Amino acid sequence: MGSLPFPFEVKLVLLEKQEPTLFETYRELVCHFYIYLDVHGGYKGSSNILKSWADYLFLTLEEAHEEA
Protein backbone atom coordinates (compact mmCIF):
# COMPACT_ATOMS: atom_id res chain seq x y z
CA MET A 1 0.00 0.00 0.00
CA GLY A 2 3.02 2.27 0.18
CA SER A 3 3.37 4.94 2.81
CA LEU A 4 0.34 5.39 5.01
CA PRO A 5 -1.43 8.74 4.93
CA PHE A 6 -2.12 8.81 8.67
CA PRO A 7 0.21 8.63 11.70
CA PHE A 8 -1.37 5.63 13.42
CA GLU A 9 0.48 2.82 11.66
CA VAL A 10 0.62 0.66 14.79
CA LYS A 11 -3.17 0.76 15.10
CA LEU A 12 -3.50 -0.20 11.45
CA VAL A 13 -1.26 -3.22 11.94
CA LEU A 14 -3.46 -4.30 14.85
CA LEU A 15 -6.60 -3.66 12.82
CA GLU A 16 -5.26 -5.80 9.99
CA LYS A 17 -4.67 -8.69 12.42
CA GLN A 18 -7.85 -8.32 14.49
CA GLU A 19 -10.38 -7.15 11.89
CA PRO A 20 -9.11 -8.06 8.42
CA THR A 21 -12.40 -7.24 6.69
CA LEU A 22 -12.54 -3.75 8.18
CA PHE A 23 -8.88 -3.23 7.31
CA GLU A 24 -9.52 -4.20 3.68
CA THR A 25 -12.40 -1.70 3.53
CA TYR A 26 -10.13 1.03 4.87
CA ARG A 27 -7.41 0.04 2.41
CA GLU A 28 -9.86 0.16 -0.50
CA LEU A 29 -11.03 3.65 0.49
CA VAL A 30 -7.46 4.92 0.78
CA CYS A 31 -6.67 3.49 -2.65
CA HIS A 32 -9.63 5.38 -4.11
CA PHE A 33 -8.41 8.53 -2.38
CA TYR A 34 -5.01 8.23 -4.06
CA ILE A 35 -6.64 7.50 -7.42
CA TYR A 36 -8.75 10.63 -7.00
CA LEU A 37 -5.67 12.71 -6.20
CA ASP A 38 -3.88 11.35 -9.25
CA VAL A 39 -6.81 11.90 -11.62
CA HIS A 40 -7.60 15.37 -10.32
CA GLY A 41 -4.08 16.69 -9.99
CA GLY A 42 -3.36 16.33 -6.30
CA TYR A 43 -4.27 18.65 -3.49
CA LYS A 44 -3.99 21.97 -5.34
CA GLY A 45 -4.22 23.72 -1.96
CA SER A 46 -7.89 22.89 -1.62
CA SER A 47 -9.23 22.99 1.91
CA ASN A 48 -12.21 20.90 0.78
CA ILE A 49 -10.25 17.98 -0.65
CA LEU A 50 -12.03 15.37 1.49
CA LYS A 51 -15.47 16.70 0.54
CA SER A 52 -14.48 16.76 -3.13
CA TRP A 53 -13.20 13.21 -2.85
CA ALA A 54 -16.38 12.02 -1.11
CA ASP A 55 -18.51 13.62 -3.84
CA TYR A 56 -16.37 11.88 -6.46
CA LEU A 57 -16.49 8.55 -4.65
CA PHE A 58 -20.26 8.51 -4.13
CA LEU A 59 -20.91 9.65 -7.70
CA THR A 60 -18.82 6.71 -8.87
CA LEU A 61 -20.75 4.33 -6.60
CA GLU A 62 -24.09 5.64 -7.88
CA GLU A 63 -22.98 5.12 -11.49
CA ALA A 64 -21.86 1.55 -10.73
CA HIS A 65 -25.22 0.83 -9.07
CA GLU A 66 -27.13 2.14 -12.11
CA GLU A 67 -25.06 -0.02 -14.46
CA ALA A 68 -25.80 -3.15 -12.42
PDB file of N, CA and C in Angstrom:
ATOM      1  N   MET A   1       0.833  -1.186   0.000  1.00  0.00           N
ATOM      2  CA  MET A   1       0.000   0.000   0.000  1.00  0.00           C
ATOM      3  C   MET A   1       0.874   1.245   0.000  1.00  0.00           C
ATOM      4  N   GLY A   2       2.158   1.107   0.160  1.00  0.00           N
ATOM      5  CA  GLY A   2       3.021   2.271   0.178  1.00  0.00           C
ATOM      6  C   GLY A   2       2.996   2.952   1.523  1.00  0.00           C
ATOM      7  N   SER A   3       3.377   4.216   1.540  1.00  0.00           N
ATOM      8  CA  SER A   3       3.371   4.939   2.812  1.00  0.00           C
ATOM      9  C   SER A   3       1.943   5.250   3.222  1.00  0.00           C
ATOM     10  N   LEU A   4       1.688   5.167   4.499  1.00  0.00           N
ATOM     11  CA  LEU A   4       0.341   5.388   5.006  1.00  0.00           C
ATOM     12  C   LEU A   4       0.080   6.878   5.174  1.00  0.00           C
ATOM     13  N   PRO A   5      -1.143   7.312   4.866  1.00  0.00           N
ATOM     14  CA  PRO A   5      -1.429   8.741   4.932  1.00  0.00           C
ATOM     15  C   PRO A   5      -1.709   9.257   6.338  1.00  0.00           C
ATOM     16  N   PHE A   6      -1.760   8.407   7.322  1.00  0.00           N
ATOM     17  CA  PHE A   6      -2.118   8.808   8.673  1.00  0.00           C
ATOM     18  C   PHE A   6      -1.067   8.294   9.654  1.00  0.00           C
ATOM     19  N   PRO A   7      -0.886   8.966  10.782  1.00  0.00           N
ATOM     20  CA  PRO A   7       0.215   8.628  11.697  1.00  0.00           C
ATOM     21  C   PRO A   7      -0.048   7.458  12.646  1.00  0.00           C
ATOM     22  N   PHE A   8      -1.079   6.707  12.457  1.00  0.00           N
ATOM     23  CA  PHE A   8      -1.366   5.632  13.415  1.00  0.00           C
ATOM     24  C   PHE A   8      -1.102   4.257  12.816  1.00  0.00           C
ATOM     25  N   GLU A   9       0.112   4.066  12.309  1.00  0.00           N
ATOM     26  CA  GLU A   9       0.485   2.820  11.656  1.00  0.00           C
ATOM     27  C   GLU A   9       0.362   1.610  12.576  1.00  0.00           C
ATOM     28  N   VAL A  10       0.702   1.771  13.852  1.00  0.00           N
ATOM     29  CA  VAL A  10       0.618   0.657  14.793  1.00  0.00           C
ATOM     30  C   VAL A  10      -0.833   0.188  14.922  1.00  0.00           C
ATOM     31  N   LYS A  11      -1.756   1.125  14.998  1.00  0.00           N
ATOM     32  CA  LYS A  11      -3.173   0.761  15.101  1.00  0.00           C
ATOM     33  C   LYS A  11      -3.645   0.053  13.837  1.00  0.00           C
ATOM     34  N   LEU A  12      -3.120   0.463  12.685  1.00  0.00           N
ATOM     35  CA  LEU A  12      -3.505  -0.202  11.446  1.00  0.00           C
ATOM     36  C   LEU A  12      -2.987  -1.631  11.389  1.00  0.00           C
ATOM     37  N   VAL A  13      -1.799  -1.859  11.894  1.00  0.00           N
ATOM     38  CA  VAL A  13      -1.262  -3.219  11.937  1.00  0.00           C
ATOM     39  C   VAL A  13      -2.152  -4.089  12.824  1.00  0.00           C
ATOM     40  N   LEU A  14      -2.554  -3.559  13.971  1.00  0.00           N
ATOM     41  CA  LEU A  14      -3.461  -4.302  14.855  1.00  0.00           C
ATOM     42  C   LEU A  14      -4.808  -4.539  14.185  1.00  0.00           C
ATOM     43  N   LEU A  15      -5.321  -3.524  13.510  1.00  0.00           N
ATOM     44  CA  LEU A  15      -6.603  -3.662  12.818  1.00  0.00           C
ATOM     45  C   LEU A  15      -6.522  -4.755  11.752  1.00  0.00           C
ATOM     46  N   GLU A  16      -5.426  -4.786  11.023  1.00  0.00           N
ATOM     47  CA  GLU A  16      -5.258  -5.804   9.986  1.00  0.00           C
ATOM     48  C   GLU A  16      -5.289  -7.214  10.587  1.00  0.00           C
ATOM     49  N   LYS A  17      -4.702  -7.375  11.770  1.00  0.00           N
ATOM     50  CA  LYS A  17      -4.671  -8.690  12.416  1.00  0.00           C
ATOM     51  C   LYS A  17      -5.999  -9.047  13.074  1.00  0.00           C
ATOM     52  N   GLN A  18      -6.644  -8.056  13.716  1.00  0.00           N
ATOM     53  CA  GLN A  18      -7.852  -8.325  14.494  1.00  0.00           C
ATOM     54  C   GLN A  18      -9.131  -8.252  13.667  1.00  0.00           C
ATOM     55  N   GLU A  19      -9.173  -7.351  12.706  1.00  0.00           N
ATOM     56  CA  GLU A  19     -10.380  -7.146  11.892  1.00  0.00           C
ATOM     57  C   GLU A  19      -9.988  -7.044  10.417  1.00  0.00           C
ATOM     58  N   PRO A  20      -9.610  -8.139   9.797  1.00  0.00           N
ATOM     59  CA  PRO A  20      -9.109  -8.060   8.422  1.00  0.00           C
ATOM     60  C   PRO A  20     -10.118  -7.509   7.415  1.00  0.00           C
ATOM     61  N   THR A  21     -11.391  -7.764   7.613  1.00  0.00           N
ATOM     62  CA  THR A  21     -12.396  -7.243   6.689  1.00  0.00           C
ATOM     63  C   THR A  21     -12.488  -5.724   6.777  1.00  0.00           C
ATOM     64  N   LEU A  22     -12.506  -5.194   7.982  1.00  0.00           N
ATOM     65  CA  LEU A  22     -12.535  -3.753   8.177  1.00  0.00           C
ATOM     66  C   LEU A  22     -11.263  -3.107   7.625  1.00  0.00           C
ATOM     67  N   PHE A  23     -10.135  -3.752   7.843  1.00  0.00           N
ATOM     68  CA  PHE A  23      -8.877  -3.231   7.313  1.00  0.00           C
ATOM     69  C   PHE A  23      -8.921  -3.168   5.793  1.00  0.00           C
ATOM     70  N   GLU A  24      -9.432  -4.190   5.148  1.00  0.00           N
ATOM     71  CA  GLU A  24      -9.521  -4.199   3.681  1.00  0.00           C
ATOM     72  C   GLU A  24     -10.436  -3.088   3.176  1.00  0.00           C
ATOM     73  N   THR A  25     -11.513  -2.808   3.902  1.00  0.00           N
ATOM     74  CA  THR A  25     -12.402  -1.704   3.530  1.00  0.00           C
ATOM     75  C   THR A  25     -11.656  -0.378   3.617  1.00  0.00           C
ATOM     76  N   TYR A  26     -10.933  -0.179   4.705  1.00  0.00           N
ATOM     77  CA  TYR A  26     -10.127   1.031   4.872  1.00  0.00           C
ATOM     78  C   TYR A  26      -9.107   1.147   3.737  1.00  0.00           C
ATOM     79  N   ARG A  27      -8.429   0.054   3.457  1.00  0.00           N
ATOM     80  CA  ARG A  27      -7.408   0.035   2.414  1.00  0.00           C
ATOM     81  C   ARG A  27      -8.007   0.401   1.058  1.00  0.00           C
ATOM     82  N   GLU A  28      -9.173  -0.136   0.761  1.00  0.00           N
ATOM     83  CA  GLU A  28      -9.855   0.162  -0.499  1.00  0.00           C
ATOM     84  C   GLU A  28     -10.196   1.654  -0.594  1.00  0.00           C
ATOM     85  N   LEU A  29     -10.696   2.223   0.485  1.00  0.00           N
ATOM     86  CA  LEU A  29     -11.026   3.647   0.486  1.00  0.00           C
ATOM     87  C   LEU A  29      -9.790   4.513   0.279  1.00  0.00           C
ATOM     88  N   VAL A  30      -8.699   4.154   0.940  1.00  0.00           N
ATOM     89  CA  VAL A  30      -7.461   4.920   0.785  1.00  0.00           C
ATOM     90  C   VAL A  30      -6.952   4.811  -0.656  1.00  0.00           C
ATOM     91  N   CYS A  31      -7.076   3.642  -1.252  1.00  0.00           N
ATOM     92  CA  CYS A  31      -6.670   3.486  -2.649  1.00  0.00           C
ATOM     93  C   CYS A  31      -7.476   4.410  -3.550  1.00  0.00           C
ATOM     94  N   HIS A  32      -8.787   4.481  -3.322  1.00  0.00           N
ATOM     95  CA  HIS A  32      -9.626   5.377  -4.112  1.00  0.00           C
ATOM     96  C   HIS A  32      -9.254   6.840  -3.889  1.00  0.00           C
ATOM     97  N   PHE A  33      -8.841   7.170  -2.663  1.00  0.00           N
ATOM     98  CA  PHE A  33      -8.409   8.529  -2.381  1.00  0.00           C
ATOM     99  C   PHE A  33      -7.182   8.878  -3.216  1.00  0.00           C
ATOM    100  N   TYR A  34      -6.211   7.974  -3.267  1.00  0.00           N
ATOM    101  CA  TYR A  34      -5.009   8.228  -4.057  1.00  0.00           C
ATOM    102  C   TYR A  34      -5.317   8.276  -5.554  1.00  0.00           C
ATOM    103  N   ILE A  35      -6.226   7.448  -6.013  1.00  0.00           N
ATOM    104  CA  ILE A  35      -6.637   7.497  -7.421  1.00  0.00           C
ATOM    105  C   ILE A  35      -7.257   8.857  -7.726  1.00  0.00           C
ATOM    106  N   TYR A  36      -8.123   9.329  -6.824  1.00  0.00           N
ATOM    107  CA  TYR A  36      -8.749  10.631  -6.998  1.00  0.00           C
ATOM    108  C   TYR A  36      -7.685  11.728  -7.093  1.00  0.00           C
ATOM    109  N   LEU A  37      -6.720  11.699  -6.186  1.00  0.00           N
ATOM    110  CA  LEU A  37      -5.670  12.714  -6.204  1.00  0.00           C
ATOM    111  C   LEU A  37      -4.889  12.679  -7.515  1.00  0.00           C
ATOM    112  N   ASP A  38      -4.627  11.476  -8.013  1.00  0.00           N
ATOM    113  CA  ASP A  38      -3.879  11.350  -9.253  1.00  0.00           C
ATOM    114  C   ASP A  38      -4.693  11.867 -10.438  1.00  0.00           C
ATOM    115  N   VAL A  39      -5.943  11.496 -10.509  1.00  0.00           N
ATOM    116  CA  VAL A  39      -6.810  11.899 -11.620  1.00  0.00           C
ATOM    117  C   VAL A  39      -7.072  13.404 -11.613  1.00  0.00           C
ATOM    118  N   HIS A  40      -7.226  13.965 -10.432  1.00  0.00           N
ATOM    119  CA  HIS A  40      -7.603  15.374 -10.316  1.00  0.00           C
ATOM    120  C   HIS A  40      -6.441  16.290  -9.946  1.00  0.00           C
ATOM    121  N   GLY A  41      -5.235  15.827 -10.133  1.00  0.00           N
ATOM    122  CA  GLY A  41      -4.075  16.690  -9.993  1.00  0.00           C
ATOM    123  C   GLY A  41      -3.620  17.003  -8.589  1.00  0.00           C
ATOM    124  N   GLY A  42      -3.870  16.128  -7.658  1.00  0.00           N
ATOM    125  CA  GLY A  42      -3.364  16.330  -6.301  1.00  0.00           C
ATOM    126  C   GLY A  42      -4.186  17.300  -5.489  1.00  0.00           C
ATOM    127  N   TYR A  43      -3.554  17.814  -4.462  1.00  0.00           N
ATOM    128  CA  TYR A  43      -4.267  18.647  -3.488  1.00  0.00           C
ATOM    129  C   TYR A  43      -4.638  20.022  -4.036  1.00  0.00           C
ATOM    130  N   LYS A  44      -3.768  20.629  -4.803  1.00  0.00           N
ATOM    131  CA  LYS A  44      -3.989  21.971  -5.342  1.00  0.00           C
ATOM    132  C   LYS A  44      -4.362  22.982  -4.268  1.00  0.00           C
ATOM    133  N   GLY A  45      -3.952  22.772  -3.031  1.00  0.00           N
ATOM    134  CA  GLY A  45      -4.218  23.720  -1.961  1.00  0.00           C
ATOM    135  C   GLY A  45      -5.677  23.799  -1.533  1.00  0.00           C
ATOM    136  N   SER A  46      -6.468  22.855  -1.950  1.00  0.00           N
ATOM    137  CA  SER A  46      -7.894  22.891  -1.623  1.00  0.00           C
ATOM    138  C   SER A  46      -8.131  22.500  -0.171  1.00  0.00           C
ATOM    139  N   SER A  47      -8.882  23.321   0.527  1.00  0.00           N
ATOM    140  CA  SER A  47      -9.227  22.989   1.910  1.00  0.00           C
ATOM    141  C   SER A  47     -10.406  22.020   1.953  1.00  0.00           C
ATOM    142  N   ASN A  48     -11.050  21.791   0.831  1.00  0.00           N
ATOM    143  CA  ASN A  48     -12.210  20.901   0.775  1.00  0.00           C
ATOM    144  C   ASN A  48     -11.901  19.597   0.052  1.00  0.00           C
ATOM    145  N   ILE A  49     -10.645  19.160   0.105  1.00  0.00           N
ATOM    146  CA  ILE A  49     -10.249  17.976  -0.652  1.00  0.00           C
ATOM    147  C   ILE A  49     -11.033  16.736  -0.232  1.00  0.00           C
ATOM    148  N   LEU A  50     -11.295  16.560   1.057  1.00  0.00           N
ATOM    149  CA  LEU A  50     -12.033  15.375   1.493  1.00  0.00           C
ATOM    150  C   LEU A  50     -13.481  15.425   1.025  1.00  0.00           C
ATOM    151  N   LYS A  51     -14.105  16.587   1.045  1.00  0.00           N
ATOM    152  CA  LYS A  51     -15.473  16.702   0.541  1.00  0.00           C
ATOM    153  C   LYS A  51     -15.505  16.438  -0.959  1.00  0.00           C
ATOM    154  N   SER A  52     -14.552  16.989  -1.685  1.00  0.00           N
ATOM    155  CA  SER A  52     -14.483  16.762  -3.129  1.00  0.00           C
ATOM    156  C   SER A  52     -14.298  15.284  -3.432  1.00  0.00           C
ATOM    157  N   TRP A  53     -13.440  14.629  -2.643  1.00  0.00           N
ATOM    158  CA  TRP A  53     -13.198  13.206  -2.846  1.00  0.00           C
ATOM    159  C   TRP A  53     -14.455  12.397  -2.534  1.00  0.00           C
ATOM    160  N   ALA A  54     -15.144  12.743  -1.473  1.00  0.00           N
ATOM    161  CA  ALA A  54     -16.377  12.024  -1.109  1.00  0.00           C
ATOM    162  C   ALA A  54     -17.428  12.196  -2.202  1.00  0.00           C
ATOM    163  N   ASP A  55     -17.562  13.400  -2.739  1.00  0.00           N
ATOM    164  CA  ASP A  55     -18.512  13.620  -3.840  1.00  0.00           C
ATOM    165  C   ASP A  55     -18.147  12.750  -5.036  1.00  0.00           C
ATOM    166  N   TYR A  56     -16.858  12.709  -5.355  1.00  0.00           N
ATOM    167  CA  TYR A  56     -16.371  11.882  -6.462  1.00  0.00           C
ATOM    168  C   TYR A  56     -16.640  10.403  -6.196  1.00  0.00           C
ATOM    169  N   LEU A  57     -16.335   9.954  -4.986  1.00  0.00           N
ATOM    170  CA  LEU A  57     -16.495   8.548  -4.646  1.00  0.00           C
ATOM    171  C   LEU A  57     -17.950   8.126  -4.727  1.00  0.00           C
ATOM    172  N   PHE A  58     -18.850   8.911  -4.143  1.00  0.00           N
ATOM    173  CA  PHE A  58     -20.256   8.510  -4.132  1.00  0.00           C
ATOM    174  C   PHE A  58     -20.898   8.648  -5.499  1.00  0.00           C
ATOM    175  N   LEU A  59     -20.435   9.574  -6.321  1.00  0.00           N
ATOM    176  CA  LEU A  59     -20.914   9.655  -7.696  1.00  0.00           C
ATOM    177  C   LEU A  59     -20.529   8.394  -8.444  1.00  0.00           C
ATOM    178  N   THR A  60     -19.297   7.939  -8.234  1.00  0.00           N
ATOM    179  CA  THR A  60     -18.820   6.707  -8.871  1.00  0.00           C
ATOM    180  C   THR A  60     -19.635   5.514  -8.408  1.00  0.00           C
ATOM    181  N   LEU A  61     -19.947   5.437  -7.124  1.00  0.00           N
ATOM    182  CA  LEU A  61     -20.747   4.327  -6.602  1.00  0.00           C
ATOM    183  C   LEU A  61     -22.161   4.346  -7.169  1.00  0.00           C
ATOM    184  N   GLU A  62     -22.748   5.529  -7.311  1.00  0.00           N
ATOM    185  CA  GLU A  62     -24.088   5.637  -7.883  1.00  0.00           C
ATOM    186  C   GLU A  62     -24.095   5.167  -9.333  1.00  0.00           C
ATOM    187  N   GLU A  63     -23.081   5.543 -10.112  1.00  0.00           N
ATOM    188  CA  GLU A  63     -22.985   5.115 -11.487  1.00  0.00           C
ATOM    189  C   GLU A  63     -22.852   3.599 -11.591  1.00  0.00           C
ATOM    190  N   ALA A  64     -22.043   3.009 -10.728  1.00  0.00           N
ATOM    191  CA  ALA A  64     -21.865   1.548 -10.731  1.00  0.00           C
ATOM    192  C   ALA A  64     -23.179   0.856 -10.396  1.00  0.00           C
ATOM    193  N   HIS A  65     -23.933   1.417  -9.459  1.00  0.00           N
ATOM    194  CA  HIS A  65     -25.221   0.830  -9.075  1.00  0.00           C
ATOM    195  C   HIS A  65     -26.202   0.891 -10.248  1.00  0.00           C
ATOM    196  N   GLU A  66     -26.226   1.991 -10.974  1.00  0.00           N
ATOM    197  CA  GLU A  66     -27.131   2.143 -12.115  1.00  0.00           C
ATOM    198  C   GLU A  66     -26.786   1.168 -13.231  1.00  0.00           C
ATOM    199  N   GLU A  67     -25.489   0.908 -13.424  1.00  0.00           N
ATOM    200  CA  GLU A  67     -25.065  -0.021 -14.461  1.00  0.00           C
ATOM    201  C   GLU A  67     -25.429  -1.465 -14.135  1.00  0.00           C
ATOM    202  N   ALA A  68     -25.492  -1.776 -12.845  1.00  0.00           N
ATOM    203  CA  ALA A  68     -25.800  -3.148 -12.424  1.00  0.00           C
ATOM    204  C   ALA A  68     -27.245  -3.390 -12.579  1.00  0.00           C
TER     205      ALA A  68
END
